[in-house]
Structure formats: C-alpha cells, structure tokens
Amino acid sequence: MSLLTPAVAFGAALVLFVWAAIGLWVNFDARARRSAHPAFWGVLAPLSGIILFYYLLWWRRGRPREWPPGRVERATATVVVAGIGGLAVGSLVSPPDPASQLTVWPIAFAGCLPLAYWLVRRGM
C-alpha cells in the first residue's frame, strides 16, 4: 500500500502553503513595525519555531505598527491561524501516524477557517 495517496499529497501541499504563509505574514508584520530586515524575519521565522516565538513574544513587543494591516496581510494571517489551529485539532482527532494526520489536517484546516477569519478581523 502506498502512503502517498492524493489526500496525503494534498495535505503535504497544504503544509507547505501554510509554511509559506507564515513567512509572508511575518514579513508583512515586520515591515509594518519598521524592521530594518523584514525579509530576514520572513525567511527565518518559518524555518525555526524558536525564531518565530522570539519574534511573536519578544521582538514585536514595544514596536507599534506604523499602518494597519491590509487585506492581503489579513488573509495571510487567517491562513496562518487556521493552519496552526487545524494542526492542533487534526493531531488530537487523528491516529498518530503522519499519513493519517496529513489526511485529516486539511479537513480540520477548513473547519478552522471561519474561526480564524473571525479572530483576525477582531484583531486578536
């Protein structure tokens, strides 16, 4: 039995899509906070959870945004929030093997999209 079914391949592609969205959102946010190197944050944040957490919990603190988020930035943030929420939900409801998790995760991602949209629109 092959592990790379169309559903697993779609789940893997969605993982890469959300991973790229994390970098894009961090880049948008760092640019709005007048970072000297927003591309640095945008490339390194998705590669390392430690750098992402440092950016979110420490670097952003005390640096107000110069302009409000635009439509594309809000859409990117919605994908990121739904992706992380879908990953959490999918890991709780699917068996522990990666193929099953990649099959369930897109469904959990789609289910988290409305909540993520609501959270991003509220500014949370």
PDB file of N, CA and C in Angstrom:
ATOM      1  N   MET A   1       0.834  -1.176   0.000  1.00  0.00           N
ATOM      2  CA  MET A   1       0.000   0.000   0.000  1.00  0.00           C
ATOM      3  C   MET A   1       0.885   1.249   0.000  1.00  0.00           C
ATOM      4  N   SER A   2       0.596   2.158  -0.875  1.00  0.00           N
ATOM      5  CA  SER A   2       1.370   3.381  -0.990  1.00  0.00           C
ATOM      6  C   SER A   2       0.877   4.413   0.020  1.00  0.00           C
ATOM      7  N   LEU A   3       1.809   5.067   0.668  1.00  0.00           N
ATOM      8  CA  LEU A   3       1.447   6.093   1.639  1.00  0.00           C
ATOM      9  C   LEU A   3       1.117   7.422   0.977  1.00  0.00           C
ATOM     10  N   LEU A   4       1.580   7.622  -0.265  1.00  0.00           N
ATOM     11  CA  LEU A   4       1.342   8.898  -0.932  1.00  0.00           C
ATOM     12  C   LEU A   4       0.072   8.825  -1.765  1.00  0.00           C
ATOM     13  N   THR A   5      -1.045   8.874  -1.073  1.00  0.00           N
ATOM     14  CA  THR A   5      -2.335   8.934  -1.739  1.00  0.00           C
ATOM     15  C   THR A   5      -2.603  10.385  -2.129  1.00  0.00           C
ATOM     16  N   PRO A   6      -3.590  10.635  -2.978  1.00  0.00           N
ATOM     17  CA  PRO A   6      -3.902  12.035  -3.304  1.00  0.00           C
ATOM     18  C   PRO A   6      -4.252  12.875  -2.069  1.00  0.00           C
ATOM     19  N   ALA A   7      -4.918  12.284  -1.105  1.00  0.00           N
ATOM     20  CA  ALA A   7      -5.276  13.040   0.112  1.00  0.00           C
ATOM     21  C   ALA A   7      -4.035  13.405   0.913  1.00  0.00           C
ATOM     22  N   VAL A   8      -3.084  12.492   1.013  1.00  0.00           N
ATOM     23  CA  VAL A   8      -1.840  12.767   1.742  1.00  0.00           C
ATOM     24  C   VAL A   8      -1.025  13.814   0.988  1.00  0.00           C
ATOM     25  N   ALA A   9      -0.979  13.706  -0.336  1.00  0.00           N
ATOM     26  CA  ALA A   9      -0.247  14.691  -1.138  1.00  0.00           C
ATOM     27  C   ALA A   9      -0.866  16.080  -0.990  1.00  0.00           C
ATOM     28  N   PHE A  10      -2.190  16.154  -0.958  1.00  0.00           N
ATOM     29  CA  PHE A  10      -2.865  17.438  -0.759  1.00  0.00           C
ATOM     30  C   PHE A  10      -2.530  18.006   0.623  1.00  0.00           C
ATOM     31  N   GLY A  11      -2.544  17.147   1.637  1.00  0.00           N
ATOM     32  CA  GLY A  11      -2.194  17.592   2.987  1.00  0.00           C
ATOM     33  C   GLY A  11      -0.767  18.101   3.057  1.00  0.00           C
ATOM     34  N   ALA A  12       0.160  17.423   2.380  1.00  0.00           N
ATOM     35  CA  ALA A  12       1.555  17.875   2.366  1.00  0.00           C
ATOM     36  C   ALA A  12       1.687  19.212   1.638  1.00  0.00           C
ATOM     37  N   ALA A  13       0.956  19.371   0.540  1.00  0.00           N
ATOM     38  CA  ALA A  13       0.988  20.651  -0.183  1.00  0.00           C
ATOM     39  C   ALA A  13       0.405  21.770   0.678  1.00  0.00           C
ATOM     40  N   LEU A  14      -0.627  21.461   1.441  1.00  0.00           N
ATOM     41  CA  LEU A  14      -1.219  22.463   2.327  1.00  0.00           C
ATOM     42  C   LEU A  14      -0.256  22.855   3.437  1.00  0.00           C
ATOM     43  N   VAL A  15       0.521  21.900   3.927  1.00  0.00           N
ATOM     44  CA  VAL A  15       1.543  22.205   4.933  1.00  0.00           C
ATOM     45  C   VAL A  15       2.538  23.221   4.361  1.00  0.00           C
ATOM     46  N   LEU A  16       2.990  22.986   3.144  1.00  0.00           N
ATOM     47  CA  LEU A  16       3.936  23.914   2.518  1.00  0.00           C
ATOM     48  C   LEU A  16       3.302  25.288   2.282  1.00  0.00           C
ATOM     49  N   PHE A  17       2.027  25.300   1.920  1.00  0.00           N
ATOM     50  CA  PHE A  17       1.306  26.553   1.706  1.00  0.00           C
ATOM     51  C   PHE A  17       1.210  27.357   3.004  1.00  0.00           C
ATOM     52  N   VAL A  18       0.865  26.700   4.095  1.00  0.00           N
ATOM     53  CA  VAL A  18       0.760  27.380   5.393  1.00  0.00           C
ATOM     54  C   VAL A  18       2.146  27.822   5.863  1.00  0.00           C
ATOM     55  N   TRP A  19       3.156  27.019   5.616  1.00  0.00           N
ATOM     56  CA  TRP A  19       4.533  27.351   5.985  1.00  0.00           C
ATOM     57  C   TRP A  19       4.972  28.627   5.263  1.00  0.00           C
ATOM     58  N   ALA A  20       4.655  28.732   3.966  1.00  0.00           N
ATOM     59  CA  ALA A  20       4.972  29.940   3.208  1.00  0.00           C
ATOM     60  C   ALA A  20       4.149  31.129   3.716  1.00  0.00           C
ATOM     61  N   ALA A  21       2.903  30.885   4.093  1.00  0.00           N
ATOM     62  CA  ALA A  21       2.053  31.965   4.615  1.00  0.00           C
ATOM     63  C   ALA A  21       2.604  32.513   5.924  1.00  0.00           C
ATOM     64  N   ILE A  22       3.184  31.660   6.747  1.00  0.00           N
ATOM     65  CA  ILE A  22       3.797  32.138   7.991  1.00  0.00           C
ATOM     66  C   ILE A  22       4.917  33.119   7.675  1.00  0.00           C
ATOM     67  N   GLY A  23       5.780  32.762   6.743  1.00  0.00           N
ATOM     68  CA  GLY A  23       6.869  33.659   6.362  1.00  0.00           C
ATOM     69  C   GLY A  23       6.371  34.961   5.773  1.00  0.00           C
ATOM     70  N   LEU A  24       5.342  34.881   4.941  1.00  0.00           N
ATOM     71  CA  LEU A  24       4.790  36.079   4.320  1.00  0.00           C
ATOM     72  C   LEU A  24       4.145  36.995   5.364  1.00  0.00           C
ATOM     73  N   TRP A  25       3.390  36.406   6.286  1.00  0.00           N
ATOM     74  CA  TRP A  25       2.751  37.224   7.314  1.00  0.00           C
ATOM     75  C   TRP A  25       3.793  37.902   8.211  1.00  0.00           C
ATOM     76  N   VAL A  26       4.820  37.151   8.619  1.00  0.00           N
ATOM     77  CA  VAL A  26       5.868  37.740   9.462  1.00  0.00           C
ATOM     78  C   VAL A  26       6.561  38.871   8.711  1.00  0.00           C
ATOM     79  N   ASN A  27       6.795  38.691   7.420  1.00  0.00           N
ATOM     80  CA  ASN A  27       7.417  39.738   6.618  1.00  0.00           C
ATOM     81  C   ASN A  27       6.536  40.989   6.583  1.00  0.00           C
ATOM     82  N   PHE A  28       5.234  40.818   6.334  1.00  0.00           N
ATOM     83  CA  PHE A  28       4.306  41.953   6.338  1.00  0.00           C
ATOM     84  C   PHE A  28       4.327  42.672   7.687  1.00  0.00           C
ATOM     85  N   ASP A  29       4.246  41.886   8.760  1.00  0.00           N
ATOM     86  CA  ASP A  29       4.174  42.469  10.097  1.00  0.00           C
ATOM     87  C   ASP A  29       5.472  43.188  10.458  1.00  0.00           C
ATOM     88  N   ALA A  30       6.610  42.591  10.133  1.00  0.00           N
ATOM     89  CA  ALA A  30       7.901  43.222  10.439  1.00  0.00           C
ATOM     90  C   ALA A  30       8.076  44.516   9.646  1.00  0.00           C
ATOM     91  N   ARG A  31       7.597  44.520   8.409  1.00  0.00           N
ATOM     92  CA  ARG A  31       7.676  45.736   7.589  1.00  0.00           C
ATOM     93  C   ARG A  31       6.816  46.848   8.208  1.00  0.00           C
ATOM     94  N   ALA A  32       5.627  46.490   8.682  1.00  0.00           N
ATOM     95  CA  ALA A  32       4.741  47.484   9.293  1.00  0.00           C
ATOM     96  C   ALA A  32       5.292  47.999  10.620  1.00  0.00           C
ATOM     97  N   ARG A  33       6.158  47.246  11.236  1.00  0.00           N
ATOM     98  CA  ARG A  33       6.770  47.664  12.500  1.00  0.00           C
ATOM     99  C   ARG A  33       8.150  48.271  12.285  1.00  0.00           C
ATOM    100  N   ARG A  34       8.447  48.614  11.049  1.00  0.00           N
ATOM    101  CA  ARG A  34       9.681  49.303  10.649  1.00  0.00           C
ATOM    102  C   ARG A  34      10.949  48.524  10.978  1.00  0.00           C
ATOM    103  N   SER A  35      10.911  47.217  10.759  1.00  0.00           N
ATOM    104  CA  SER A  35      12.118  46.421  10.921  1.00  0.00           C
ATOM    105  C   SER A  35      13.109  46.783   9.819  1.00  0.00           C
ATOM    106  N   ALA A  36      14.374  46.796  10.151  1.00  0.00           N
ATOM    107  CA  ALA A  36      15.400  47.063   9.149  1.00  0.00           C
ATOM    108  C   ALA A  36      15.552  45.887   8.184  1.00  0.00           C
ATOM    109  N   HIS A  37      15.154  44.696   8.619  1.00  0.00           N
ATOM    110  CA  HIS A  37      15.313  43.487   7.816  1.00  0.00           C
ATOM    111  C   HIS A  37      14.062  42.611   7.873  1.00  0.00           C
ATOM    112  N   PRO A  38      12.941  43.042   7.294  1.00  0.00           N
ATOM    113  CA  PRO A  38      11.727  42.219   7.363  1.00  0.00           C
ATOM    114  C   PRO A  38      11.861  40.893   6.625  1.00  0.00           C
ATOM    115  N   ALA A  39      12.667  40.850   5.564  1.00  0.00           N
ATOM    116  CA  ALA A  39      12.859  39.592   4.840  1.00  0.00           C
ATOM    117  C   ALA A  39      13.597  38.568   5.711  1.00  0.00           C
ATOM    118  N   PHE A  40      14.502  39.051   6.558  1.00  0.00           N
ATOM    119  CA  PHE A  40      15.203  38.180   7.500  1.00  0.00           C
ATOM    120  C   PHE A  40      14.201  37.449   8.385  1.00  0.00           C
ATOM    121  N   TRP A  41      13.267  38.201   8.957  1.00  0.00           N
ATOM    122  CA  TRP A  41      12.244  37.594   9.806  1.00  0.00           C
ATOM    123  C   TRP A  41      11.348  36.675   8.989  1.00  0.00           C
ATOM    124  N   GLY A  42      10.974  37.114   7.790  1.00  0.00           N
ATOM    125  CA  GLY A  42      10.069  36.334   6.956  1.00  0.00           C
ATOM    126  C   GLY A  42      10.643  35.007   6.506  1.00  0.00           C
ATOM    127  N   VAL A  43      11.950  34.945   6.319  1.00  0.00           N
ATOM    128  CA  VAL A  43      12.583  33.689   5.891  1.00  0.00           C
ATOM    129  C   VAL A  43      12.887  32.797   7.088  1.00  0.00           C
ATOM    130  N   LEU A  44      13.410  33.367   8.152  1.00  0.00           N
ATOM    131  CA  LEU A  44      13.861  32.541   9.284  1.00  0.00           C
ATOM    132  C   LEU A  44      12.740  32.106  10.226  1.00  0.00           C
ATOM    133  N   ALA A  45      11.681  32.888  10.340  1.00  0.00           N
ATOM    134  CA  ALA A  45      10.614  32.533  11.279  1.00  0.00           C
ATOM    135  C   ALA A  45       9.961  31.190  10.962  1.00  0.00           C
ATOM    136  N   PRO A  46       9.614  30.890   9.696  1.00  0.00           N
ATOM    137  CA  PRO A  46       9.020  29.573   9.458  1.00  0.00           C
ATOM    138  C   PRO A  46      10.030  28.423   9.552  1.00  0.00           C
ATOM    139  N   LEU A  47      11.303  28.722   9.405  1.00  0.00           N
ATOM    140  CA  LEU A  47      12.316  27.664   9.461  1.00  0.00           C
ATOM    141  C   LEU A  47      12.588  27.196  10.880  1.00  0.00           C
ATOM    142  N   SER A  48      12.376  28.075  11.849  1.00  0.00           N
ATOM    143  CA  SER A  48      12.682  27.736  13.235  1.00  0.00           C
ATOM    144  C   SER A  48      11.563  28.226  14.145  1.00  0.00           C
ATOM    145  N   GLY A  49      10.989  27.325  14.871  1.00  0.00           N
ATOM    146  CA  GLY A  49       9.960  27.698  15.835  1.00  0.00           C
ATOM    147  C   GLY A  49      10.492  28.626  16.904  1.00  0.00           C
ATOM    148  N   ILE A  50      11.761  28.482  17.239  1.00  0.00           N
ATOM    149  CA  ILE A  50      12.368  29.335  18.258  1.00  0.00           C
ATOM    150  C   ILE A  50      12.408  30.778  17.775  1.00  0.00           C
ATOM    151  N   ILE A  51      12.807  30.988  16.527  1.00  0.00           N
ATOM    152  CA  ILE A  51      12.855  32.346  15.986  1.00  0.00           C
ATOM    153  C   ILE A  51      11.447  32.907  15.854  1.00  0.00           C
ATOM    154  N   LEU A  52      10.493  32.068  15.437  1.00  0.00           N
ATOM    155  CA  LEU A  52       9.105  32.521  15.330  1.00  0.00           C
ATOM    156  C   LEU A  52       8.573  32.951  16.690  1.00  0.00           C
ATOM    157  N   PHE A  53       8.800  32.145  17.719  1.00  0.00           N
ATOM    158  CA  PHE A  53       8.343  32.520  19.057  1.00  0.00           C
ATOM    159  C   PHE A  53       9.062  33.764  19.564  1.00  0.00           C
ATOM    160  N   TYR A  54      10.355  33.889  19.290  1.00  0.00           N
ATOM    161  CA  TYR A  54      11.084  35.097  19.676  1.00  0.00           C
ATOM    162  C   TYR A  54      10.459  36.312  19.013  1.00  0.00           C
ATOM    163  N   TYR A  55      10.159  36.196  17.717  1.00  0.00           N
ATOM    164  CA  TYR A  55       9.555  37.321  17.001  1.00  0.00           C
ATOM    165  C   TYR A  55       8.194  37.675  17.604  1.00  0.00           C
ATOM    166  N   LEU A  56       7.357  36.666  17.813  1.00  0.00           N
ATOM    167  CA  LEU A  56       5.998  36.918  18.291  1.00  0.00           C
ATOM    168  C   LEU A  56       5.949  37.400  19.734  1.00  0.00           C
ATOM    169  N   LEU A  57       6.768  36.822  20.592  1.00  0.00           N
ATOM    170  CA  LEU A  57       6.661  37.106  22.027  1.00  0.00           C
ATOM    171  C   LEU A  57       7.621  38.177  22.534  1.00  0.00           C
ATOM    172  N   TRP A  58       8.699  38.447  21.794  1.00  0.00           N
ATOM    173  CA  TRP A  58       9.661  39.398  22.311  1.00  0.00           C
ATOM    174  C   TRP A  58       9.896  40.572  21.357  1.00  0.00           C
ATOM    175  N   TRP A  59      10.256  40.317  20.104  1.00  0.00           N
ATOM    176  CA  TRP A  59      10.654  41.390  19.195  1.00  0.00           C
ATOM    177  C   TRP A  59       9.505  42.352  18.912  1.00  0.00           C
ATOM    178  N   ARG A  60       8.299  41.849  18.730  1.00  0.00           N
ATOM    179  CA  ARG A  60       7.149  42.704  18.415  1.00  0.00           C
ATOM    180  C   ARG A  60       6.763  43.621  19.572  1.00  0.00           C
ATOM    181  N   ARG A  61       7.069  43.210  20.783  1.00  0.00           N
ATOM    182  CA  ARG A  61       6.689  43.983  21.965  1.00  0.00           C
ATOM    183  C   ARG A  61       7.402  45.339  21.952  1.00  0.00           C
ATOM    184  N   GLY A  62       6.650  46.387  22.120  1.00  0.00           N
ATOM    185  CA  GLY A  62       7.238  47.711  22.159  1.00  0.00           C
ATOM    186  C   GLY A  62       7.475  48.332  20.787  1.00  0.00           C
ATOM    187  N   ARG A  63       7.095  47.654  19.726  1.00  0.00           N
ATOM    188  CA  ARG A  63       7.243  48.196  18.376  1.00  0.00           C
ATOM    189  C   ARG A  63       5.855  48.330  17.756  1.00  0.00           C
ATOM    190  N   PRO A  64       5.254  49.486  17.859  1.00  0.00           N
ATOM    191  CA  PRO A  64       3.899  49.637  17.315  1.00  0.00           C
ATOM    192  C   PRO A  64       3.912  49.609  15.787  1.00  0.00           C
ATOM    193  N   ARG A  65       2.772  49.221  15.237  1.00  0.00           N
ATOM    194  CA  ARG A  65       2.628  49.212  13.778  1.00  0.00           C
ATOM    195  C   ARG A  65       2.507  50.639  13.274  1.00  0.00           C
ATOM    196  N   GLU A  66       3.105  50.890  12.147  1.00  0.00           N
ATOM    197  CA  GLU A  66       3.046  52.215  11.530  1.00  0.00           C
ATOM    198  C   GLU A  66       1.766  52.386  10.715  1.00  0.00           C
ATOM    199  N   TRP A  67       1.178  51.288  10.254  1.00  0.00           N
ATOM    200  CA  TRP A  67      -0.065  51.325   9.494  1.00  0.00           C
ATOM    201  C   TRP A  67      -0.856  50.061   9.792  1.00  0.00           C
ATOM    202  N   PRO A  68      -2.163  50.105   9.636  1.00  0.00           N
ATOM    203  CA  PRO A  68      -2.983  48.919   9.929  1.00  0.00           C
ATOM    204  C   PRO A  68      -2.776  47.833   8.876  1.00  0.00           C
ATOM    205  N   PRO A  69      -3.081  46.597   9.228  1.00  0.00           N
ATOM    206  CA  PRO A  69      -2.907  45.515   8.254  1.00  0.00           C
ATOM    207  C   PRO A  69      -3.838  45.688   7.058  1.00  0.00           C
ATOM    208  N   GLY A  70      -3.318  45.385   5.896  1.00  0.00           N
ATOM    209  CA  GLY A  70      -4.111  45.454   4.671  1.00  0.00           C
ATOM    210  C   GLY A  70      -4.873  44.158   4.439  1.00  0.00           C
ATOM    211  N   ARG A  71      -5.582  44.136   3.348  1.00  0.00           N
ATOM    212  CA  ARG A  71      -6.424  42.989   3.007  1.00  0.00           C
ATOM    213  C   ARG A  71      -5.604  41.705   2.810  1.00  0.00           C
ATOM    214  N   VAL A  72      -4.491  41.809   2.106  1.00  0.00           N
ATOM    215  CA  VAL A  72      -3.652  40.627   1.858  1.00  0.00           C
ATOM    216  C   VAL A  72      -3.022  40.136   3.155  1.00  0.00           C
ATOM    217  N   GLU A  73      -2.586  41.063   4.001  1.00  0.00           N
ATOM    218  CA  GLU A  73      -1.992  40.664   5.281  1.00  0.00           C
ATOM    219  C   GLU A  73      -3.017  39.966   6.169  1.00  0.00           C
ATOM    220  N   ARG A  74      -4.241  40.472   6.202  1.00  0.00           N
ATOM    221  CA  ARG A  74      -5.289  39.805   6.993  1.00  0.00           C
ATOM    222  C   ARG A  74      -5.605  38.424   6.434  1.00  0.00           C
ATOM    223  N   ALA A  75      -5.638  38.285   5.120  1.00  0.00           N
ATOM    224  CA  ALA A  75      -5.893  36.969   4.519  1.00  0.00           C
ATOM    225  C   ALA A  75      -4.760  35.994   4.850  1.00  0.00           C
ATOM    226  N   THR A  76      -3.528  36.488   4.802  1.00  0.00           N
ATOM    227  CA  THR A  76      -2.384  35.647   5.151  1.00  0.00           C
ATOM    228  C   THR A  76      -2.437  35.246   6.619  1.00  0.00           C
ATOM    229  N   ALA A  77      -2.771  36.176   7.486  1.00  0.00           N
ATOM    230  CA  ALA A  77      -2.886  35.864   8.913  1.00  0.00           C
ATOM    231  C   ALA A  77      -3.999  34.852   9.160  1.00  0.00           C
ATOM    232  N   THR A  78      -5.087  34.941   8.411  1.00  0.00           N
ATOM    233  CA  THR A  78      -6.182  33.976   8.539  1.00  0.00           C
ATOM    234  C   THR A  78      -5.706  32.576   8.180  1.00  0.00           C
ATOM    235  N   VAL A  79      -4.933  32.448   7.110  1.00  0.00           N
ATOM    236  CA  VAL A  79      -4.391  31.142   6.711  1.00  0.00           C
ATOM    237  C   VAL A  79      -3.461  30.605   7.791  1.00  0.00           C
ATOM    238  N   VAL A  80      -2.638  31.471   8.360  1.00  0.00           N
ATOM    239  CA  VAL A  80      -1.702  31.035   9.409  1.00  0.00           C
ATOM    240  C   VAL A  80      -2.455  30.549  10.638  1.00  0.00           C
ATOM    241  N   VAL A  81      -3.429  31.313  11.102  1.00  0.00           N
ATOM    242  CA  VAL A  81      -4.185  30.926  12.299  1.00  0.00           C
ATOM    243  C   VAL A  81      -4.970  29.641  12.049  1.00  0.00           C
ATOM    244  N   ALA A  82      -5.606  29.533  10.888  1.00  0.00           N
ATOM    245  CA  ALA A  82      -6.351  28.314  10.570  1.00  0.00           C
ATOM    246  C   ALA A  82      -5.405  27.128  10.415  1.00  0.00           C
ATOM    247  N   GLY A  83      -4.226  27.364   9.876  1.00  0.00           N
ATOM    248  CA  GLY A  83      -3.255  26.279   9.727  1.00  0.00           C
ATOM    249  C   GLY A  83      -2.774  25.743  11.055  1.00  0.00           C
ATOM    250  N   ILE A  84      -2.451  26.639  11.965  1.00  0.00           N
ATOM    251  CA  ILE A  84      -1.985  26.206  13.288  1.00  0.00           C
ATOM    252  C   ILE A  84      -3.132  25.572  14.074  1.00  0.00           C
ATOM    253  N   GLY A  85      -4.324  26.169  13.991  1.00  0.00           N
ATOM    254  CA  GLY A  85      -5.488  25.581  14.656  1.00  0.00           C
ATOM    255  C   GLY A  85      -5.855  24.228  14.067  1.00  0.00           C
ATOM    256  N   GLY A  86      -5.799  24.120  12.748  1.00  0.00           N
ATOM    257  CA  GLY A  86      -6.089  22.841  12.101  1.00  0.00           C
ATOM    258  C   GLY A  86      -5.079  21.772  12.463  1.00  0.00           C
ATOM    259  N   LEU A  87      -3.825  22.177  12.607  1.00  0.00           N
ATOM    260  CA  LEU A  87      -2.796  21.228  13.019  1.00  0.00           C
ATOM    261  C   LEU A  87      -3.066  20.709  14.428  1.00  0.00           C
ATOM    262  N   ALA A  88      -3.458  21.609  15.322  1.00  0.00           N
ATOM    263  CA  ALA A  88      -3.763  21.198  16.698  1.00  0.00           C
ATOM    264  C   ALA A  88      -4.974  20.275  16.733  1.00  0.00           C
ATOM    265  N   VAL A  89      -6.040  20.657  16.038  1.00  0.00           N
ATOM    266  CA  VAL A  89      -7.250  19.831  16.033  1.00  0.00           C
ATOM    267  C   VAL A  89      -6.981  18.487  15.349  1.00  0.00           C
ATOM    268  N   GLY A  90      -6.299  18.535  14.208  1.00  0.00           N
ATOM    269  CA  GLY A  90      -6.009  17.299  13.478  1.00  0.00           C
ATOM    270  C   GLY A  90      -5.149  16.333  14.269  1.00  0.00           C
ATOM    271  N   SER A  91      -4.210  16.845  15.042  1.00  0.00           N
ATOM    272  CA  SER A  91      -3.363  15.955  15.834  1.00  0.00           C
ATOM    273  C   SER A  91      -4.131  15.325  16.994  1.00  0.00           C
ATOM    274  N   LEU A  92      -5.196  15.987  17.439  1.00  0.00           N
ATOM    275  CA  LEU A  92      -5.993  15.432  18.532  1.00  0.00           C
ATOM    276  C   LEU A  92      -6.989  14.379  18.061  1.00  0.00           C
ATOM    277  N   VAL A  93      -7.503  14.505  16.845  1.00  0.00           N
ATOM    278  CA  VAL A  93      -8.572  13.613  16.395  1.00  0.00           C
ATOM    279  C   VAL A  93      -8.111  12.523  15.436  1.00  0.00           C
ATOM    280  N   SER A  94      -6.863  12.568  14.982  1.00  0.00           N
ATOM    281  CA  SER A  94      -6.404  11.556  14.025  1.00  0.00           C
ATOM    282  C   SER A  94      -5.452  10.573  14.705  1.00  0.00           C
ATOM    283  N   PRO A  95      -5.286   9.390  14.107  1.00  0.00           N
ATOM    284  CA  PRO A  95      -4.293   8.456  14.638  1.00  0.00           C
ATOM    285  C   PRO A  95      -2.893   9.061  14.576  1.00  0.00           C
ATOM    286  N   PRO A  96      -1.952   8.523  15.321  1.00  0.00           N
ATOM    287  CA  PRO A  96      -0.639   9.159  15.428  1.00  0.00           C
ATOM    288  C   PRO A  96       0.276   9.009  14.212  1.00  0.00           C
ATOM    289  N   ASP A  97      -0.138   8.300  13.166  1.00  0.00           N
ATOM    290  CA  ASP A  97       0.774   8.174  12.030  1.00  0.00           C
ATOM    291  C   ASP A  97       0.668   9.393  11.106  1.00  0.00           C
ATOM    292  N   PRO A  98       1.776   9.784  10.494  1.00  0.00           N
ATOM    293  CA  PRO A  98       1.799  11.007   9.678  1.00  0.00           C
ATOM    294  C   PRO A  98       0.838  10.983   8.493  1.00  0.00           C
ATOM    295  N   ALA A  99       0.645   9.836   7.858  1.00  0.00           N
ATOM    296  CA  ALA A  99      -0.262   9.772   6.706  1.00  0.00           C
ATOM    297  C   ALA A  99      -1.694  10.094   7.125  1.00  0.00           C
ATOM    298  N   SER A 100      -2.123   9.580   8.255  1.00  0.00           N
ATOM    299  CA  SER A 100      -3.470   9.879   8.739  1.00  0.00           C
ATOM    300  C   SER A 100      -3.598  11.345   9.121  1.00  0.00           C
ATOM    301  N   GLN A 101      -2.579  11.888   9.748  1.00  0.00           N
ATOM    302  CA  GLN A 101      -2.635  13.288  10.141  1.00  0.00           C
ATOM    303  C   GLN A 101      -2.666  14.210   8.926  1.00  0.00           C
ATOM    304  N   LEU A 102      -1.919  13.865   7.875  1.00  0.00           N
ATOM    305  CA  LEU A 102      -1.955  14.682   6.660  1.00  0.00           C
ATOM    306  C   LEU A 102      -3.278  14.548   5.921  1.00  0.00           C
ATOM    307  N   THR A 103      -3.985  13.459   6.162  1.00  0.00           N
ATOM    308  CA  THR A 103      -5.300  13.281   5.544  1.00  0.00           C
ATOM    309  C   THR A 103      -6.368  14.069   6.301  1.00  0.00           C
ATOM    310  N   VAL A 104      -6.276  14.106   7.623  1.00  0.00           N
ATOM    311  CA  VAL A 104      -7.273  14.780   8.453  1.00  0.00           C
ATOM    312  C   VAL A 104      -7.022  16.289   8.525  1.00  0.00           C
ATOM    313  N   TRP A 105      -5.765  16.701   8.452  1.00  0.00           N
ATOM    314  CA  TRP A 105      -5.423  18.102   8.653  1.00  0.00           C
ATOM    315  C   TRP A 105      -6.120  19.061   7.689  1.00  0.00           C
ATOM    316  N   PRO A 106      -6.232  18.778   6.390  1.00  0.00           N
ATOM    317  CA  PRO A 106      -6.953  19.726   5.520  1.00  0.00           C
ATOM    318  C   PRO A 106      -8.412  19.920   5.924  1.00  0.00           C
ATOM    319  N   ILE A 107      -9.036  18.873   6.426  1.00  0.00           N
ATOM    320  CA  ILE A 107     -10.429  18.992   6.874  1.00  0.00           C
ATOM    321  C   ILE A 107     -10.492  19.872   8.126  1.00  0.00           C
ATOM    322  N   ALA A 108      -9.560  19.651   9.046  1.00  0.00           N
ATOM    323  CA  ALA A 108      -9.509  20.476  10.258  1.00  0.00           C
ATOM    324  C   ALA A 108      -9.161  21.925   9.900  1.00  0.00           C
ATOM    325  N   PHE A 109      -8.275  22.118   8.929  1.00  0.00           N
ATOM    326  CA  PHE A 109      -7.920  23.459   8.457  1.00  0.00           C
ATOM    327  C   PHE A 109      -9.155  24.188   7.932  1.00  0.00           C
ATOM    328  N   ALA A 110      -9.920  23.504   7.088  1.00  0.00           N
ATOM    329  CA  ALA A 110     -11.140  24.111   6.527  1.00  0.00           C
ATOM    330  C   ALA A 110     -12.147  24.424   7.629  1.00  0.00           C
ATOM    331  N   GLY A 111     -12.237  23.552   8.635  1.00  0.00           N
ATOM    332  CA  GLY A 111     -13.143  23.801   9.743  1.00  0.00           C
ATOM    333  C   GLY A 111     -12.700  24.969  10.605  1.00  0.00           C
ATOM    334  N   CYS A 112     -11.405  25.228  10.672  1.00  0.00           N
ATOM    335  CA  CYS A 112     -10.884  26.331  11.486  1.00  0.00           C
ATOM    336  C   CYS A 112     -10.902  27.674  10.756  1.00  0.00           C
ATOM    337  N   LEU A 113     -11.093  27.667   9.442  1.00  0.00           N
ATOM    338  CA  LEU A 113     -11.058  28.920   8.688  1.00  0.00           C
ATOM    339  C   LEU A 113     -12.065  29.970   9.168  1.00  0.00           C
ATOM    340  N   PRO A 114     -13.342  29.613   9.409  1.00  0.00           N
ATOM    341  CA  PRO A 114     -14.264  30.656   9.875  1.00  0.00           C
ATOM    342  C   PRO A 114     -13.848  31.274  11.215  1.00  0.00           C
ATOM    343  N   LEU A 115     -13.406  30.447  12.149  1.00  0.00           N
ATOM    344  CA  LEU A 115     -12.954  30.961  13.444  1.00  0.00           C
ATOM    345  C   LEU A 115     -11.707  31.825  13.275  1.00  0.00           C
ATOM    346  N   ALA A 116     -10.787  31.385  12.432  1.00  0.00           N
ATOM    347  CA  ALA A 116      -9.572  32.162  12.187  1.00  0.00           C
ATOM    348  C   ALA A 116      -9.912  33.506  11.557  1.00  0.00           C
ATOM    349  N   TYR A 117     -10.840  33.515  10.623  1.00  0.00           N
ATOM    350  CA  TYR A 117     -11.260  34.764   9.984  1.00  0.00           C
ATOM    351  C   TYR A 117     -11.839  35.720  11.032  1.00  0.00           C
ATOM    352  N   TRP A 118     -12.669  35.187  11.898  1.00  0.00           N
ATOM    353  CA  TRP A 118     -13.300  35.994  12.942  1.00  0.00           C
ATOM    354  C   TRP A 118     -12.222  36.557  13.885  1.00  0.00           C
ATOM    355  N   LEU A 119     -11.255  35.715  14.297  1.00  0.00           N
ATOM    356  CA  LEU A 119     -10.211  36.169  15.204  1.00  0.00           C
ATOM    357  C   LEU A 119      -9.342  37.249  14.567  1.00  0.00           C
ATOM    358  N   VAL A 120      -8.986  37.067  13.312  1.00  0.00           N
ATOM    359  CA  VAL A 120      -8.134  38.055  12.638  1.00  0.00           C
ATOM    360  C   VAL A 120      -8.896  39.361  12.439  1.00  0.00           C
ATOM    361  N   ARG A 121     -10.154  39.285  12.092  1.00  0.00           N
ATOM    362  CA  ARG A 121     -10.939  40.514  11.913  1.00  0.00           C
ATOM    363  C   ARG A 121     -11.104  41.277  13.222  1.00  0.00           C
ATOM    364  N   ARG A 122     -11.148  40.551  14.339  1.00  0.00           N
ATOM    365  CA  ARG A 122     -11.258  41.216  15.645  1.00  0.00           C
ATOM    366  C   ARG A 122      -9.926  41.769  16.123  1.00  0.00           C
ATOM    367  N   GLY A 123      -8.848  41.369  15.473  1.00  0.00           N
ATOM    368  CA  GLY A 123      -7.528  41.880  15.838  1.00  0.00           C
ATOM    369  C   GLY A 123      -6.848  41.102  16.934  1.00  0.00           C
ATOM    370  N   MET A 124      -7.213  39.857  17.115  1.00  0.00           N
ATOM    371  CA  MET A 124      -6.599  39.067  18.177  1.00  0.00           C
ATOM    372  C   MET A 124      -5.368  38.368  17.705  1.00  0.00           C
TER     373      MET A 124
END
